Protein backbone atom coordinates (compact mmCIF):
# COMPACT_ATOMS: atom_id res chain seq x y z
CA MET A 1 -0.01 0.05 0.05
CA LYS A 2 3.03 2.25 -0.63
CA PHE A 3 3.21 5.41 -2.59
CA LEU A 4 0.67 7.77 -3.75
CA LEU A 5 0.18 11.16 -4.91
CA SER A 6 1.44 14.42 -3.43
CA LEU A 7 3.62 18.13 -3.80
CA LEU A 8 1.96 21.64 -1.57
CA ALA A 9 2.31 21.90 1.93
CA LEU A 10 3.99 19.41 4.65
CA LEU A 11 3.48 15.83 4.95
CA SER A 12 5.27 12.56 5.23
CA LEU A 13 6.87 11.54 2.12
CA LEU A 14 7.89 8.02 2.51
CA PRO A 15 5.49 5.37 1.43
CA SER A 16 4.96 4.40 5.13
CA GLY A 17 3.87 7.99 5.74
CA ALA A 18 6.83 9.20 7.89
CA LEU A 19 10.36 10.49 7.00
CA SER A 20 12.95 7.76 7.62
CA ALA A 21 15.77 9.09 9.72
CA ASP A 22 18.25 8.19 7.21
CA THR A 23 16.55 9.72 4.20
CA VAL A 24 17.95 13.10 3.30
CA ALA A 25 16.16 14.33 0.32
CA SER A 26 13.47 12.83 -1.82
CA CYS A 27 10.53 13.16 -4.38
CA VAL A 28 7.80 10.65 -3.80
CA ASN A 29 3.96 10.23 -3.82
CA THR A 30 1.88 10.62 -0.62
CA LEU A 31 -1.28 11.86 1.10
CA SER A 32 -2.39 15.36 1.94
CA LEU A 33 -3.16 16.58 5.54
CA ASP A 34 -6.85 16.40 5.05
CA ASN A 35 -6.87 13.04 3.40
CA GLU A 36 -7.44 14.45 -0.09
CA PRO A 37 -5.48 13.44 -3.25
CA SER A 38 -2.67 15.80 -3.52
CA SER A 39 0.67 15.53 -5.71
CA CYS A 40 4.21 14.35 -5.56
CA THR A 41 5.83 15.53 -2.32
CA VAL A 42 9.26 16.88 -2.30
CA THR A 43 11.49 16.88 0.79
CA THR A 44 14.35 19.30 0.65
CA TRP A 45 17.85 18.71 2.15
CA LYS A 46 16.60 20.68 5.38
CA ASP A 47 13.94 18.01 5.79
CA GLU A 48 11.11 20.38 4.77
CA GLN A 49 8.21 19.08 2.67
CA PHE A 50 6.01 20.69 0.02
CA GLU A 51 3.92 19.69 -2.88
CA PHE A 52 3.99 20.69 -6.49
CA HIS A 53 0.65 20.33 -8.16
CA GLY A 54 1.62 20.37 -11.84
CA GLN A 55 2.65 18.30 -14.83
CA CYS A 56 6.10 18.43 -16.41
CA ASP A 57 9.72 17.35 -16.30
CA LEU A 58 11.49 18.64 -13.18
CA VAL A 59 15.13 18.71 -12.22
CA MET A 60 15.25 17.06 -8.72
CA MET A 61 19.04 17.56 -8.37
CA SER A 62 22.10 17.91 -10.55
CA ASP A 63 25.89 18.32 -9.79
CA PRO A 64 28.41 18.08 -12.72
CA SER A 65 31.18 17.45 -10.25
CA PHE A 66 29.60 14.48 -8.47
CA ALA A 67 31.98 11.53 -7.91
CA ASP A 68 35.18 13.00 -9.31
CA ASP A 69 33.43 14.83 -12.12
CA LYS A 70 31.11 12.00 -13.37
CA GLY A 71 28.33 14.03 -12.83
CA LEU A 72 24.87 13.35 -11.34
CA GLU A 73 21.31 14.37 -12.72
CA VAL A 74 17.97 13.23 -11.41
CA HIS A 75 14.88 14.27 -13.34
CA ILE A 76 11.38 13.35 -12.33
CA ARG A 77 8.29 13.36 -14.72
CA THR A 78 4.89 14.34 -13.07
CA GLU A 79 1.50 13.77 -14.55
CA LEU A 80 -1.68 15.44 -13.69
CA PHE A 81 -4.79 13.34 -12.55
CA ARG A 82 -7.98 15.33 -11.70
CA PHE A 83 -6.63 17.97 -9.34
CA TRP A 84 -3.47 16.33 -8.22
CA SER A 85 -0.35 14.92 -9.91
CA TYR A 86 1.81 12.11 -9.28
CA ILE A 87 5.46 11.07 -10.20
CA LYS A 88 5.22 8.90 -13.34
CA SER A 89 8.94 8.28 -13.95
CA VAL A 90 12.34 9.01 -12.77
CA ALA A 91 15.62 9.18 -14.79
CA ILE A 92 19.04 9.55 -13.25
CA ARG A 93 22.34 10.04 -15.02
CA ILE A 94 25.79 9.16 -13.52
CA GLY A 95 28.63 9.65 -15.61
CA ASN A 96 27.78 8.24 -19.24
CA ASP A 97 24.98 6.19 -18.08
CA ILE A 98 21.38 6.84 -17.83
CA LEU A 99 18.70 4.81 -15.99
CA GLU A 100 15.25 5.46 -16.35
CA VAL A 101 12.29 3.86 -14.38
CA GLU A 102 8.45 4.04 -14.97
CA GLY A 103 5.63 2.60 -13.11
CA GLY A 104 2.67 0.55 -14.65
CA SER A 105 -0.95 0.78 -14.14
CA ASP A 106 -1.49 -3.06 -14.04
CA ASP A 107 0.45 -5.82 -12.30
CA SER A 108 2.00 -7.32 -15.53
CA MET A 109 3.58 -3.86 -16.17
CA VAL A 110 5.41 -3.79 -12.78
CA ASN A 111 6.28 -7.46 -12.86
CA THR A 112 8.01 -7.02 -16.31
CA ALA A 113 10.19 -4.11 -14.83
CA ARG A 114 9.69 -0.96 -16.99
CA TYR A 115 13.11 0.51 -17.16
CA TRP A 116 15.58 1.72 -19.76
CA ILE A 117 19.35 1.85 -19.35
CA ASN A 118 21.04 3.98 -21.90
CA TYR A 119 17.76 4.38 -23.83
CA GLU A 120 17.43 0.63 -24.23
CA TYR A 121 14.29 -0.93 -22.89
CA GLN A 122 15.19 -3.61 -20.44
CA GLY A 123 18.81 -3.66 -21.24
CA GLN A 124 21.43 -5.38 -19.12
CA LEU A 125 21.32 -3.53 -15.98
CA LYS A 126 24.22 -4.18 -13.61
CA GLU A 127 25.52 -0.65 -12.85
CA ILE A 128 25.16 3.09 -13.69
CA GLY A 129 28.36 5.18 -13.88
CA GLY A 130 30.23 2.40 -12.16
CA PHE A 131 27.93 1.97 -9.16
CA PRO A 132 26.19 -1.30 -8.83
CA VAL A 133 22.23 -1.52 -9.28
CA SER A 134 20.08 -4.03 -7.78
CA SER A 135 16.34 -4.66 -8.37
CA SER A 136 13.89 -6.33 -6.16
CA SER A 137 10.03 -7.01 -6.17
CA SER A 138 8.36 -7.53 -2.75
CA SER A 139 4.84 -8.20 -4.37
CA SER A 140 3.16 -8.05 -7.70
CA VAL A 141 2.68 -4.45 -7.55
CA LYS A 142 5.83 -3.13 -5.88
CA ARG A 143 9.33 -2.94 -7.08
CA GLU A 144 12.45 -1.01 -6.11
CA TYR A 145 15.91 -0.28 -7.72
CA GLU A 146 18.81 0.63 -5.50
CA ILE A 147 21.87 2.34 -6.81
CA ASP A 148 24.56 1.71 -4.23
CA LEU A 149 27.07 4.56 -4.14
CA GLY A 150 29.17 2.78 -1.22
CA SER A 151 32.40 2.44 -3.23
CA LYS A 152 32.83 6.20 -3.39
CA TYR A 153 30.42 7.23 -0.59
CA PRO A 154 30.15 4.56 2.15
CA GLY A 155 26.60 3.76 3.26
CA GLN A 156 24.72 5.96 0.69
CA VAL A 157 22.27 4.95 -1.79
CA VAL A 158 19.87 6.29 -4.27
CA LEU A 159 16.61 4.26 -4.05
CA ILE A 160 13.77 4.34 -6.60
CA GLU A 161 10.39 2.68 -5.54
CA ILE A 162 7.52 1.79 -7.38
CA PHE A 163 3.88 1.02 -6.67
CA LYS A 164 1.87 0.48 -9.63
CA GLU A 165 2.13 3.58 -11.79
CA PHE A 166 3.42 5.59 -8.91
CA VAL A 167 7.33 6.16 -8.75
CA GLY A 168 9.32 7.93 -6.14
CA VAL A 169 13.10 8.41 -5.58
CA ARG A 170 15.03 9.23 -2.36
CA VAL A 171 18.58 9.63 -1.34
CA VAL A 172 19.50 7.72 1.74
CA ASN A 173 22.30 8.81 4.13
CA GLY A 174 23.30 11.57 1.67
CA SER A 175 26.34 13.41 2.80
CA GLU A 176 27.66 16.81 1.97
CA GLU A 177 30.66 15.26 0.26
CA ALA A 178 28.47 13.49 -2.15
CA PHE A 179 25.51 15.92 -2.56
CA GLY A 180 26.67 19.31 -1.20
CA LYS A 181 27.01 20.99 -4.56
CA THR A 182 23.88 19.70 -6.09
CA VAL A 183 21.18 22.07 -7.22
CA GLY A 184 17.52 21.43 -8.15
CA ILE A 185 14.02 21.47 -6.71
CA VAL A 186 15.22 19.79 -3.44
CA GLY A 187 17.07 22.98 -2.62
CA ASP A 188 20.50 23.86 -1.32
CA TYR A 189 22.38 21.19 0.70
CA LYS A 190 23.73 23.59 3.37
CA THR A 191 20.90 25.98 3.94
CA GLY A 192 17.87 23.99 2.73
CA TYR A 193 16.69 27.08 0.89
CA THR A 194 14.70 26.29 -2.35
CA LEU A 195 16.75 28.42 -4.71
CA ALA A 196 16.31 29.52 -8.15
CA ARG A 197 18.69 28.69 -10.92
CA ASP A 198 20.74 31.69 -10.22
CA GLY A 199 21.65 30.12 -6.93
CA ALA A 200 20.66 33.40 -4.87
CA THR A 201 16.96 33.96 -5.24
CA ILE A 202 14.88 32.09 -2.71
CA LEU A 203 11.50 30.87 -4.00
CA GLU A 204 8.80 30.19 -1.64
CA ASP A 205 5.93 29.83 -4.15
CA PHE A 206 6.06 26.17 -5.00
CA GLY A 207 4.37 26.56 -8.31
CA GLU A 208 6.98 29.20 -9.33
CA LEU A 209 9.69 26.64 -7.92
CA GLY A 210 8.38 23.98 -10.14
CA ASN A 211 8.46 26.21 -13.23
CA GLU A 212 11.96 27.24 -12.27
CA TRP A 213 13.19 23.75 -12.15
CA GLN A 214 11.49 22.66 -15.35
CA VAL A 215 13.80 20.65 -17.50
CA LEU A 216 15.15 23.11 -20.07
CA PRO A 217 16.91 22.53 -23.45
CA THR A 218 20.03 23.39 -21.77
CA ASP A 219 19.76 20.41 -19.30
CA SER A 220 20.48 16.90 -20.40
CA LYS A 221 17.91 14.76 -22.27
CA LEU A 222 17.50 11.83 -19.83
CA PHE A 223 13.99 10.44 -20.76
CA HIS A 224 13.84 8.03 -23.64
CA GLN A 225 10.83 10.07 -25.23
CA MET A 226 9.49 13.56 -24.81
CA ASP A 227 6.15 14.32 -22.98
CA ALA A 228 4.28 17.55 -22.99
CA PRO A 229 4.80 19.93 -21.76
CA GLN A 230 8.35 20.75 -22.87
CA PHE A 231 9.97 24.21 -22.52
CA PRO A 232 9.16 26.94 -23.50
CA GLU A 233 5.59 25.62 -22.72
CA LYS A 234 5.39 25.85 -18.86
CA CYS A 235 4.30 23.16 -16.35
CA ILE A 236 0.62 22.39 -16.57
CA MET A 237 -0.85 23.46 -13.14
CA ALA A 238 -3.82 21.77 -11.40
CA GLU A 239 -6.82 23.73 -10.77
CA ASP A 240 -7.95 24.66 -7.24
CA PRO A 241 -8.28 21.33 -5.52
CA ARG A 242 -11.36 22.49 -3.72
CA GLY A 243 -14.80 23.33 -5.04
CA GLU A 244 -15.95 22.12 -8.24
CA ARG A 245 -13.17 19.84 -8.71
CA ARG A 246 -13.66 18.32 -5.39
CA ARG A 247 -17.36 17.86 -6.00
CA ARG A 248 -16.50 16.08 -9.21
CA LEU A 249 -14.02 13.57 -7.41
CA ASP A 250 -16.83 12.78 -4.98
CA GLU A 251 -19.33 12.08 -7.60
CA GLU A 252 -16.91 9.78 -9.60
CA SER A 253 -15.55 7.94 -6.54
CA LYS A 254 -17.20 4.55 -5.91
CA LEU A 255 -15.23 3.90 -2.61
CA SER A 256 -15.99 6.62 0.19
CA PHE A 257 -13.63 7.69 2.97
CA GLU A 258 -15.76 5.64 5.27
CA ASP A 259 -15.11 2.48 3.03
CA ALA A 260 -11.44 3.02 3.11
CA GLU A 261 -11.34 3.84 6.71
CA GLU A 262 -13.07 0.48 7.66
CA ALA A 263 -10.58 -1.50 5.32
CA CYS A 264 -7.60 0.15 7.19
CA TRP A 265 -8.59 0.40 10.70
CA ASP A 266 -6.45 -2.53 11.96
CA LEU A 267 -2.99 -1.46 10.43
CA LYS A 268 -0.19 -0.80 12.72
CA ASP A 269 0.01 3.03 13.24
CA ALA A 270 -1.90 6.10 12.40
CA ALA A 271 0.48 7.13 9.57
CA THR A 272 0.15 3.78 8.00
CA ILE A 273 -3.72 3.93 8.25
CA LYS A 274 -3.62 7.40 6.66
CA ASP A 275 -1.64 6.31 3.73
CA CYS A 276 -3.81 3.21 3.30
CA ILE A 277 -6.90 5.41 3.22
CA TYR A 278 -5.56 7.49 0.63
CA ASP A 279 -4.32 4.67 -1.49
CA ILE A 280 -7.77 3.33 -1.65
CA LEU A 281 -9.25 6.50 -2.51
CA ALA A 282 -6.75 7.36 -5.13
CA THR A 283 -6.80 4.01 -6.80
CA GLN A 284 -10.31 3.06 -5.97
CA GLY A 285 -9.17 -0.40 -5.05
CA ILE A 286 -9.35 -2.19 -1.65
CA GLU A 287 -6.52 -4.65 -2.75
CA VAL A 288 -3.96 -1.99 -1.96
CA VAL A 289 -4.48 -2.68 1.79
CA ARG A 290 -2.68 -5.81 1.72
CA ALA A 291 -0.34 -5.19 -1.04
C-alpha cells in the first residue's frame, strides 16, 4: 500500500507515511493533511516538505562534479490526474549512463520491470556510472531499484520505489561530500533554501519553484521520449483542489472515505492507516491494503 500522490504543504513523504531518519532528500507520492488526493511530495535537504501540483519534467538534483566529475542528474516526470499530480517516472544519469524507471497501471507492467538503461528498454542492468544497481520486487505491484554509492560514498544509496504507476526517488544517508554541490528542486544542501537557478533567489511559491526547475533545453535529455509540456511551454498546473473539482471527485468515486477507513482500521499505526486510506481513495481499489 505504498506510495501515492502528493507536492503543496507539509506531509510525510515516505510510502509508510513518515520520513525515515536516514533519508536526506526525496521526491515521492503521498497523502495530503486532510486525506485528499494531492501531488508528488518533495523533501528538501533541510527536511522540509512541500507539494507541487503540476505536470512537467523537473530537475530534482544536478551536480556536474559528483563522484570525481562523473556528474549526477536526477529528473522526475509528473503527470496530472484530476486536481493532483503524481510522479510517473524517474531518470538518473551518473557519468555516461542513464537509468530511467517507470511505473505501470497493471500488475504485469510492474512485474516486467519497466526500465531503460541508456535508452535501451530492459537492457542489461548491472551498474550506472560504475555504481552497482540491484532490483527487487516484494509483491506483484511493488518494485525497487537501489543504486549503491558505497564504493565512493560509504553507506549512501539512491533508491527508486514503484507502486503500480506511482514512482518515487530518495537519497539515503546523503552526505555533504556527495551531494553538497547539488542544485535543483530539493534545494541547497547546506541551507535547505529552495533556490532559483541563479543560486541566490529564494523561491517560496512552489508553483513558481516547479516552473523554475522545469527541465530546459540546456539540461540533459534523460527520458527516452518527450512528453508534454516541454519548455518553452510551462508546467501544466492543477486547478484549485477544492470547490467544483472536489465535487466531481466525490461524484466519480465509488469507494467512500468511510469504506477506506473501515478497510484500514487494523493497520499498525496512524501514519500507515492514513496512507492506506489515501491509497484506496486514489486507486479506487481495496486490494492495496494488503499489497
